[in-house]
Amino acid sequence: MLDVRGVGKVYEPPPAWLRPLVKTAASAPVHALRDVSLHVDRGEILGLVGPNGAGKTTLIKIISTLLEPTTGRATVDGYDVDKEGASVRACLGLVLEGDQGLYDRLTGWQNLEFYGRLAGLSRDAARHRAMELMDTLGLADLDKLVFGYSAGMKVRLSICRALLADPSLIVMDEPTRSLDPIASRAALRLFRDLADGGRAVLLSNHRLDEIVAVCTRVVVIVHGRVRFDGAPNDLAGTSGEAAAALSDLLERESAAAP
């Protein structure tokens, strides 16, 4: 389903003549990703883990066709993310951290109906799907202007939006960050159900207990490089120990990586 091979990403600084007009944090090229390879099969939830600045969001944006890779290649269901972006987007559901794509002056249901229509659903199908998803994620009785939603409610609505067109690959960047424990458990159950239904799920998360609990495999990225790729229990014998071992691995690799 998702195949990433040797992907690298270099952010080049603006030319010298433009630098007085453009704010930039670096005057030299920034290597955000270096030779990253991974895959996610249907029925699998892959946990993407790493410290802040490791390159996780850059990788997600490349997979989602929002950024072009500098080197390497990524495909979704056989479609090249760089050359066949429209086909990739048609089979992908995306939730980005801090997503600003919701319309505050529409209700949650109106947002989903609008995005469902953009995704090619008929009016009736968009309405039915919106109601179904809002009920699944506990928003059915909270249909008011998104302006009045809490941060956690907006995240749940963004997850609903990502699932509108029944994508075969779901990519989530920190989807449970703003959710309370009850909503987090419901979201994780939903992700597990999606994978069990034959979809591929890529889940970036800082909550190691959630990664260990729901993911079939874990990829650890530190300083743009893959430092571990395997089952959580390859780190330790039990789920609880795996979460602690994963935390220790992140600390060791963050300290050792250049």
C-alpha atoms as a PDB file:
ATOM      1  CA  MET A   1       0.000   0.000   0.000  1.00  0.00           C
ATOM      2  CA  LEU A   2       2.550   2.614   1.154  1.00  0.00           C
ATOM      3  CA  ASP A   3       6.141   2.136   0.052  1.00  0.00           C
ATOM      4  CA  VAL A   4       8.929   4.625   0.815  1.00  0.00           C
ATOM      5  CA  ARG A   5      12.377   3.957  -0.662  1.00  0.00           C
ATOM      6  CA  GLY A   6      15.504   6.000   0.038  1.00  0.00           C
ATOM      7  CA  VAL A   7      13.645   9.268   0.558  1.00  0.00           C
ATOM      8  CA  GLY A   8      15.689  12.321   1.420  1.00  0.00           C
ATOM      9  CA  LYS A   9      14.660  15.930   1.844  1.00  0.00           C
ATOM     10  CA  VAL A  10      16.960  18.954   1.841  1.00  0.00           C
ATOM     11  CA  TYR A  11      15.632  22.418   2.573  1.00  0.00           C
ATOM     12  CA  GLU A  12      17.795  24.887   0.699  1.00  0.00           C
ATOM     13  CA  PRO A  13      18.206  28.408   2.107  1.00  0.00           C
ATOM     14  CA  PRO A  14      16.996  31.311  -0.027  1.00  0.00           C
ATOM     15  CA  PRO A  15      19.616  32.905  -2.275  1.00  0.00           C
ATOM     16  CA  ALA A  16      21.766  35.585  -0.681  1.00  0.00           C
ATOM     17  CA  TRP A  17      20.014  38.432  -2.466  1.00  0.00           C
ATOM     18  CA  LEU A  18      16.634  37.337  -1.049  1.00  0.00           C
ATOM     19  CA  ARG A  19      17.671  36.688   2.550  1.00  0.00           C
ATOM     20  CA  PRO A  20      17.106  40.284   3.782  1.00  0.00           C
ATOM     21  CA  LEU A  21      13.450  39.894   2.742  1.00  0.00           C
ATOM     22  CA  VAL A  22      12.796  36.325   3.943  1.00  0.00           C
ATOM     23  CA  LYS A  23      12.919  35.056   7.501  1.00  0.00           C
ATOM     24  CA  THR A  24      14.906  31.843   7.741  1.00  0.00           C
ATOM     25  CA  ALA A  25      16.303  29.876  10.665  1.00  0.00           C
ATOM     26  CA  ALA A  26      19.321  28.540   8.756  1.00  0.00           C
ATOM     27  CA  SER A  27      21.821  29.912   6.264  1.00  0.00           C
ATOM     28  CA  ALA A  28      22.995  26.434   5.176  1.00  0.00           C
ATOM     29  CA  PRO A  29      21.023  23.522   3.659  1.00  0.00           C
ATOM     30  CA  VAL A  30      18.981  21.541   6.217  1.00  0.00           C
ATOM     31  CA  HIS A  31      18.882  17.766   5.717  1.00  0.00           C
ATOM     32  CA  ALA A  32      15.468  16.922   7.164  1.00  0.00           C
ATOM     33  CA  LEU A  33      15.397  13.316   5.892  1.00  0.00           C
ATOM     34  CA  ARG A  34      18.262  11.012   4.942  1.00  0.00           C
ATOM     35  CA  ASP A  35      17.653   7.766   3.015  1.00  0.00           C
ATOM     36  CA  VAL A  36      14.365   6.899   4.750  1.00  0.00           C
ATOM     37  CA  SER A  37      12.726   3.610   3.763  1.00  0.00           C
ATOM     38  CA  LEU A  38       9.585   2.028   5.208  1.00  0.00           C
ATOM     39  CA  HIS A  39       6.372   0.323   4.140  1.00  0.00           C
ATOM     40  CA  VAL A  40       2.832  -0.047   5.455  1.00  0.00           C
ATOM     41  CA  ASP A  41       0.645  -2.928   4.284  1.00  0.00           C
ATOM     42  CA  ARG A  42      -3.140  -3.146   4.298  1.00  0.00           C
ATOM     43  CA  GLY A  43      -4.403  -4.227   7.697  1.00  0.00           C
ATOM     44  CA  GLU A  44      -1.387  -2.719   9.429  1.00  0.00           C
ATOM     45  CA  ILE A  45      -0.937   0.268  11.744  1.00  0.00           C
ATOM     46  CA  LEU A  46       2.594   1.653  11.574  1.00  0.00           C
ATOM     47  CA  GLY A  47       3.641   3.914  14.429  1.00  0.00           C
ATOM     48  CA  LEU A  48       6.015   6.732  13.456  1.00  0.00           C
ATOM     49  CA  VAL A  49       8.002   7.921  16.455  1.00  0.00           C
ATOM     50  CA  GLY A  50      10.770  10.443  16.992  1.00  0.00           C
ATOM     51  CA  PRO A  51      11.720  13.558  18.945  1.00  0.00           C
ATOM     52  CA  ASN A  52      10.675  17.022  17.826  1.00  0.00           C
ATOM     53  CA  GLY A  53      12.544  17.967  14.660  1.00  0.00           C
ATOM     54  CA  ALA A  54      13.259  14.353  13.714  1.00  0.00           C
ATOM     55  CA  GLY A  55      11.623  14.694  10.278  1.00  0.00           C
ATOM     56  CA  LYS A  56       8.296  12.942  10.915  1.00  0.00           C
ATOM     57  CA  THR A  57       6.083  15.760   9.647  1.00  0.00           C
ATOM     58  CA  THR A  58       8.321  16.300   6.611  1.00  0.00           C
ATOM     59  CA  LEU A  59       7.934  12.620   5.741  1.00  0.00           C
ATOM     60  CA  ILE A  60       4.161  12.786   6.195  1.00  0.00           C
ATOM     61  CA  LYS A  61       3.937  15.841   3.935  1.00  0.00           C
ATOM     62  CA  ILE A  62       5.950  14.050   1.242  1.00  0.00           C
ATOM     63  CA  ILE A  63       3.680  11.002   1.450  1.00  0.00           C
ATOM     64  CA  SER A  64       0.666  13.328   1.242  1.00  0.00           C
ATOM     65  CA  THR A  65       2.024  15.144  -1.872  1.00  0.00           C
ATOM     66  CA  LEU A  66       2.429  18.431   0.027  1.00  0.00           C
ATOM     67  CA  LEU A  67       6.218  18.363  -0.395  1.00  0.00           C
ATOM     68  CA  GLU A  68       8.459  16.915  -3.097  1.00  0.00           C
ATOM     69  CA  PRO A  69      11.267  14.573  -2.036  1.00  0.00           C
ATOM     70  CA  THR A  70      14.788  15.654  -2.894  1.00  0.00           C
ATOM     71  CA  THR A  71      15.881  12.060  -3.417  1.00  0.00           C
ATOM     72  CA  GLY A  72      14.200   8.662  -3.405  1.00  0.00           C
ATOM     73  CA  ARG A  73      10.650   7.627  -4.195  1.00  0.00           C
ATOM     74  CA  ALA A  74       7.367   7.042  -2.362  1.00  0.00           C
ATOM     75  CA  THR A  75       4.249   5.332  -3.710  1.00  0.00           C
ATOM     76  CA  VAL A  76       0.704   4.919  -2.390  1.00  0.00           C
ATOM     77  CA  ASP A  77      -1.175   1.972  -3.857  1.00  0.00           C
ATOM     78  CA  GLY A  78       1.327   2.016  -6.720  1.00  0.00           C
ATOM     79  CA  TYR A  79       0.961   5.751  -7.466  1.00  0.00           C
ATOM     80  CA  ASP A  80       4.069   7.921  -7.293  1.00  0.00           C
ATOM     81  CA  VAL A  81       3.590  10.786  -4.801  1.00  0.00           C
ATOM     82  CA  ASP A  82       5.720  13.111  -6.916  1.00  0.00           C
ATOM     83  CA  LYS A  83       4.316  12.320 -10.373  1.00  0.00           C
ATOM     84  CA  GLU A  84       0.763  11.112  -9.705  1.00  0.00           C
ATOM     85  CA  GLY A  85      -0.361  13.381  -6.899  1.00  0.00           C
ATOM     86  CA  ALA A  86      -4.056  13.468  -7.812  1.00  0.00           C
ATOM     87  CA  SER A  87      -4.296   9.673  -7.762  1.00  0.00           C
ATOM     88  CA  VAL A  88      -2.469   9.520  -4.433  1.00  0.00           C
ATOM     89  CA  ARG A  89      -4.787  12.085  -2.845  1.00  0.00           C
ATOM     90  CA  ALA A  90      -7.840  10.164  -4.060  1.00  0.00           C
ATOM     91  CA  CYS A  91      -6.951   7.152  -1.903  1.00  0.00           C
ATOM     92  CA  LEU A  92      -5.508   8.965   1.124  1.00  0.00           C
ATOM     93  CA  GLY A  93      -7.073  10.413   4.273  1.00  0.00           C
ATOM     94  CA  LEU A  94      -4.929  12.956   6.118  1.00  0.00           C
ATOM     95  CA  VAL A  95      -4.942  14.597   9.543  1.00  0.00           C
ATOM     96  CA  LEU A  96      -2.117  17.079  10.122  1.00  0.00           C
ATOM     97  CA  GLU A  97      -1.155  18.438  13.527  1.00  0.00           C
ATOM     98  CA  GLY A  98      -2.624  21.904  14.010  1.00  0.00           C
ATOM     99  CA  ASP A  99      -4.808  21.501  10.911  1.00  0.00           C
ATOM    100  CA  GLN A 100      -6.509  24.799  10.004  1.00  0.00           C
ATOM    101  CA  GLY A 101      -8.717  23.399   7.253  1.00  0.00           C
ATOM    102  CA  LEU A 102     -12.043  23.608   9.099  1.00  0.00           C
ATOM    103  CA  TYR A 103     -14.476  26.453   8.504  1.00  0.00           C
ATOM    104  CA  ASP A 104     -15.324  28.142  11.816  1.00  0.00           C
ATOM    105  CA  ARG A 105     -18.575  29.697  10.542  1.00  0.00           C
ATOM    106  CA  LEU A 106     -20.016  26.329   9.511  1.00  0.00           C
ATOM    107  CA  THR A 107     -21.263  23.613  11.829  1.00  0.00           C
ATOM    108  CA  GLY A 108     -19.349  20.348  12.096  1.00  0.00           C
ATOM    109  CA  TRP A 109     -21.951  18.558  10.003  1.00  0.00           C
ATOM    110  CA  GLN A 110     -21.846  21.325   7.339  1.00  0.00           C
ATOM    111  CA  ASN A 111     -18.035  21.073   7.200  1.00  0.00           C
ATOM    112  CA  LEU A 112     -18.211  17.349   6.568  1.00  0.00           C
ATOM    113  CA  GLU A 113     -20.955  17.651   3.979  1.00  0.00           C
ATOM    114  CA  PHE A 114     -18.916  20.315   2.160  1.00  0.00           C
ATOM    115  CA  TYR A 115     -15.740  18.207   2.133  1.00  0.00           C
ATOM    116  CA  GLY A 116     -17.714  15.115   1.195  1.00  0.00           C
ATOM    117  CA  ARG A 117     -19.038  16.887  -1.874  1.00  0.00           C
ATOM    118  CA  LEU A 118     -15.489  18.006  -2.761  1.00  0.00           C
ATOM    119  CA  ALA A 119     -14.433  14.350  -2.493  1.00  0.00           C
ATOM    120  CA  GLY A 120     -17.035  13.409  -5.118  1.00  0.00           C
ATOM    121  CA  LEU A 121     -19.815  12.056  -2.888  1.00  0.00           C
ATOM    122  CA  SER A 122     -23.423  12.783  -3.774  1.00  0.00           C
ATOM    123  CA  ARG A 123     -25.341  15.132  -1.467  1.00  0.00           C
ATOM    124  CA  ASP A 124     -27.212  12.260   0.176  1.00  0.00           C
ATOM    125  CA  ALA A 125     -24.068  10.138   0.511  1.00  0.00           C
ATOM    126  CA  ALA A 126     -22.120  13.064   2.003  1.00  0.00           C
ATOM    127  CA  ARG A 127     -24.872  13.724   4.551  1.00  0.00           C
ATOM    128  CA  HIS A 128     -25.153  10.060   5.524  1.00  0.00           C
ATOM    129  CA  ARG A 129     -21.384   9.654   5.842  1.00  0.00           C
ATOM    130  CA  ALA A 130     -21.077  12.860   7.894  1.00  0.00           C
ATOM    131  CA  MET A 131     -23.750  11.708  10.342  1.00  0.00           C
ATOM    132  CA  GLU A 132     -22.200   8.243  10.606  1.00  0.00           C
ATOM    133  CA  LEU A 133     -18.709   9.564  11.360  1.00  0.00           C
ATOM    134  CA  MET A 134     -19.871  12.223  13.806  1.00  0.00           C
ATOM    135  CA  ASP A 135     -21.768   9.553  15.720  1.00  0.00           C
ATOM    136  CA  THR A 136     -18.714   7.253  15.758  1.00  0.00           C
ATOM    137  CA  LEU A 137     -16.468   9.974  17.198  1.00  0.00           C
ATOM    138  CA  GLY A 138     -18.970  11.373  19.677  1.00  0.00           C
ATOM    139  CA  LEU A 139     -19.867  14.576  17.857  1.00  0.00           C
ATOM    140  CA  ALA A 140     -23.460  13.785  16.843  1.00  0.00           C
ATOM    141  CA  ASP A 141     -24.960  15.751  19.755  1.00  0.00           C
ATOM    142  CA  LEU A 142     -22.460  18.624  19.473  1.00  0.00           C
ATOM    143  CA  ASP A 143     -23.323  19.986  16.049  1.00  0.00           C
ATOM    144  CA  LYS A 144     -22.701  23.705  16.451  1.00  0.00           C
ATOM    145  CA  LEU A 145     -20.494  26.244  14.744  1.00  0.00           C
ATOM    146  CA  VAL A 146     -16.899  24.998  14.691  1.00  0.00           C
ATOM    147  CA  PHE A 147     -15.956  28.404  16.113  1.00  0.00           C
ATOM    148  CA  GLY A 148     -17.276  27.089  19.441  1.00  0.00           C
ATOM    149  CA  TYR A 149     -15.517  23.702  19.293  1.00  0.00           C
ATOM    150  CA  SER A 150     -12.791  22.827  21.773  1.00  0.00           C
ATOM    151  CA  ALA A 151      -9.360  21.800  20.471  1.00  0.00           C
ATOM    152  CA  GLY A 152     -10.203  18.136  21.029  1.00  0.00           C
ATOM    153  CA  MET A 153     -13.518  18.428  19.192  1.00  0.00           C
ATOM    154  CA  LYS A 154     -11.749  20.016  16.212  1.00  0.00           C
ATOM    155  CA  VAL A 155      -9.299  17.102  16.121  1.00  0.00           C
ATOM    156  CA  ARG A 156     -12.178  14.613  16.138  1.00  0.00           C
ATOM    157  CA  LEU A 157     -13.873  16.526  13.341  1.00  0.00           C
ATOM    158  CA  SER A 158     -10.617  16.513  11.342  1.00  0.00           C
ATOM    159  CA  ILE A 159     -10.450  12.730  11.757  1.00  0.00           C
ATOM    160  CA  CYS A 160     -14.035  12.515  10.472  1.00  0.00           C
ATOM    161  CA  ARG A 161     -13.081  14.642   7.458  1.00  0.00           C
ATOM    162  CA  ALA A 162     -10.105  12.375   6.675  1.00  0.00           C
ATOM    163  CA  LEU A 163     -12.391   9.334   6.578  1.00  0.00           C
ATOM    164  CA  LEU A 164     -15.198  10.803   4.455  1.00  0.00           C
ATOM    165  CA  ALA A 165     -14.220   9.175   1.149  1.00  0.00           C
ATOM    166  CA  ASP A 166     -13.329   5.826   2.788  1.00  0.00           C
ATOM    167  CA  PRO A 167      -9.593   6.075   1.922  1.00  0.00           C
ATOM    168  CA  SER A 168      -7.382   3.007   1.696  1.00  0.00           C
ATOM    169  CA  LEU A 169      -4.466   4.779   3.437  1.00  0.00           C
ATOM    170  CA  ILE A 170      -5.006   6.947   6.526  1.00  0.00           C
ATOM    171  CA  VAL A 171      -2.143   9.190   7.649  1.00  0.00           C
ATOM    172  CA  MET A 172      -2.421  10.805  11.099  1.00  0.00           C
ATOM    173  CA  ASP A 173       0.034  13.320  12.568  1.00  0.00           C
ATOM    174  CA  GLU A 174      -0.464  13.532  16.354  1.00  0.00           C
ATOM    175  CA  PRO A 175      -4.231  12.895  16.152  1.00  0.00           C
ATOM    176  CA  THR A 176      -4.718  12.285  19.891  1.00  0.00           C
ATOM    177  CA  ARG A 177      -2.603  15.182  21.193  1.00  0.00           C
ATOM    178  CA  SER A 178      -5.615  17.305  22.236  1.00  0.00           C
ATOM    179  CA  LEU A 179      -7.988  14.473  23.105  1.00  0.00           C
ATOM    180  CA  ASP A 180      -9.055  13.464  26.593  1.00  0.00           C
ATOM    181  CA  PRO A 181      -8.443   9.839  27.629  1.00  0.00           C
ATOM    182  CA  ILE A 182     -11.957   8.676  26.681  1.00  0.00           C
ATOM    183  CA  ALA A 183     -11.802  10.291  23.226  1.00  0.00           C
ATOM    184  CA  SER A 184      -8.261   8.952  22.733  1.00  0.00           C
ATOM    185  CA  ARG A 185      -9.396   5.392  23.411  1.00  0.00           C
ATOM    186  CA  ALA A 186     -12.305   5.800  20.998  1.00  0.00           C
ATOM    187  CA  ALA A 187      -9.962   7.135  18.295  1.00  0.00           C
ATOM    188  CA  LEU A 188      -7.511   4.272  18.803  1.00  0.00           C
ATOM    189  CA  ARG A 189     -10.340   1.726  18.567  1.00  0.00           C
ATOM    190  CA  LEU A 190     -11.418   3.398  15.332  1.00  0.00           C
ATOM    191  CA  PHE A 191      -7.890   3.177  13.905  1.00  0.00           C
ATOM    192  CA  ARG A 192      -7.727  -0.502  14.840  1.00  0.00           C
ATOM    193  CA  ASP A 193     -11.109  -1.128  13.194  1.00  0.00           C
ATOM    194  CA  LEU A 194      -9.951   0.689  10.046  1.00  0.00           C
ATOM    195  CA  ALA A 195      -6.873  -1.524   9.815  1.00  0.00           C
ATOM    196  CA  ASP A 196      -8.913  -4.645  10.511  1.00  0.00           C
ATOM    197  CA  GLY A 197     -11.150  -3.567   7.627  1.00  0.00           C
ATOM    198  CA  GLY A 198      -8.221  -3.770   5.211  1.00  0.00           C
ATOM    199  CA  ARG A 199      -6.877  -0.222   5.309  1.00  0.00           C
ATOM    200  CA  ALA A 200      -3.312   0.885   5.965  1.00  0.00           C
ATOM    201  CA  VAL A 201      -2.748   3.358   8.799  1.00  0.00           C
ATOM    202  CA  LEU A 202       0.325   5.518   9.434  1.00  0.00           C
ATOM    203  CA  LEU A 203       0.171   7.014  12.920  1.00  0.00           C
ATOM    204  CA  SER A 204       2.663   9.607  14.155  1.00  0.00           C
ATOM    205  CA  ASN A 205       2.404   9.987  17.918  1.00  0.00           C
ATOM    206  CA  HIS A 206       4.412  11.084  20.946  1.00  0.00           C
ATOM    207  CA  ARG A 207       2.351   8.931  23.305  1.00  0.00           C
ATOM    208  CA  LEU A 208       4.456   5.791  23.456  1.00  0.00           C
ATOM    209  CA  ASP A 209       1.841   3.818  25.408  1.00  0.00           C
ATOM    210  CA  GLU A 210      -0.659   4.386  22.586  1.00  0.00           C
ATOM    211  CA  ILE A 211       1.884   3.416  19.941  1.00  0.00           C
ATOM    212  CA  VAL A 212       2.660   0.163  21.728  1.00  0.00           C
ATOM    213  CA  ALA A 213      -1.009  -0.575  22.408  1.00  0.00           C
ATOM    214  CA  VAL A 214      -2.362  -0.155  18.873  1.00  0.00           C
ATOM    215  CA  CYS A 215       0.506  -0.403  16.356  1.00  0.00           C
ATOM    216  CA  THR A 216       1.683  -3.590  14.711  1.00  0.00           C
ATOM    217  CA  ARG A 217       5.061  -2.062  13.847  1.00  0.00           C
ATOM    218  CA  VAL A 218       7.096   0.936  14.937  1.00  0.00           C
ATOM    219  CA  VAL A 219       9.538   3.087  12.957  1.00  0.00           C
ATOM    220  CA  VAL A 220      11.782   5.377  14.980  1.00  0.00           C
ATOM    221  CA  ILE A 221      13.251   8.406  13.182  1.00  0.00           C
ATOM    222  CA  VAL A 222      16.001  10.502  14.761  1.00  0.00           C
ATOM    223  CA  HIS A 223      17.712  13.373  12.950  1.00  0.00           C
ATOM    224  CA  GLY A 224      16.116  12.330   9.669  1.00  0.00           C
ATOM    225  CA  ARG A 225      17.312   8.708   9.764  1.00  0.00           C
ATOM    226  CA  VAL A 226      15.459   5.471  10.557  1.00  0.00           C
ATOM    227  CA  ARG A 227      16.955   4.060  13.760  1.00  0.00           C
ATOM    228  CA  PHE A 228      14.509   1.205  14.366  1.00  0.00           C
ATOM    229  CA  ASP A 229      11.882  -0.640  12.310  1.00  0.00           C
ATOM    230  CA  GLY A 230      10.098  -3.570  13.870  1.00  0.00           C
ATOM    231  CA  ALA A 231       7.389  -4.825  16.193  1.00  0.00           C
ATOM    232  CA  PRO A 232       7.064  -3.059  19.554  1.00  0.00           C
ATOM    233  CA  ASN A 233       7.716  -6.312  21.353  1.00  0.00           C
ATOM    234  CA  ASP A 234      11.060  -6.624  19.559  1.00  0.00           C
ATOM    235  CA  LEU A 235      12.200  -3.949  22.009  1.00  0.00           C
ATOM    236  CA  ALA A 236      11.106  -5.859  25.096  1.00  0.00           C
ATOM    237  CA  GLY A 237       9.015  -8.781  26.210  1.00  0.00           C
ATOM    238  CA  THR A 238       5.742  -7.135  27.168  1.00  0.00           C
ATOM    239  CA  SER A 239       3.753  -4.100  26.082  1.00  0.00           C
ATOM    240  CA  GLY A 240       4.564  -2.174  29.250  1.00  0.00           C
ATOM    241  CA  GLU A 241       8.258  -2.935  28.923  1.00  0.00           C
ATOM    242  CA  ALA A 242       8.130  -2.113  25.211  1.00  0.00           C
ATOM    243  CA  ALA A 243       6.910   1.421  25.901  1.00  0.00           C
ATOM    244  CA  ALA A 244       9.758   1.967  28.366  1.00  0.00           C
ATOM    245  CA  ALA A 245      12.284   0.428  25.965  1.00  0.00           C
ATOM    246  CA  LEU A 246      11.025   2.630  23.136  1.00  0.00           C
ATOM    247  CA  SER A 247      11.439   5.698  25.335  1.00  0.00           C
ATOM    248  CA  ASP A 248      14.985   4.615  26.223  1.00  0.00           C
ATOM    249  CA  LEU A 249      15.793   4.050  22.540  1.00  0.00           C
ATOM    250  CA  LEU A 250      14.623   7.539  21.642  1.00  0.00           C
ATOM    251  CA  GLU A 251      16.797   9.051  24.379  1.00  0.00           C
ATOM    252  CA  ARG A 252      19.874   7.045  23.346  1.00  0.00           C
ATOM    253  CA  GLU A 253      19.513   7.724  19.634  1.00  0.00           C
ATOM    254  CA  SER A 254      18.779  11.422  20.144  1.00  0.00           C
ATOM    255  CA  ALA A 255      21.957  11.754  22.168  1.00  0.00           C
ATOM    256  CA  ALA A 256      24.106   9.710  19.784  1.00  0.00           C
ATOM    257  CA  ALA A 257      22.866  10.861  16.380  1.00  0.00           C
ATOM    258  CA  PRO A 258      24.812  13.660  14.664  1.00  0.00           C
END
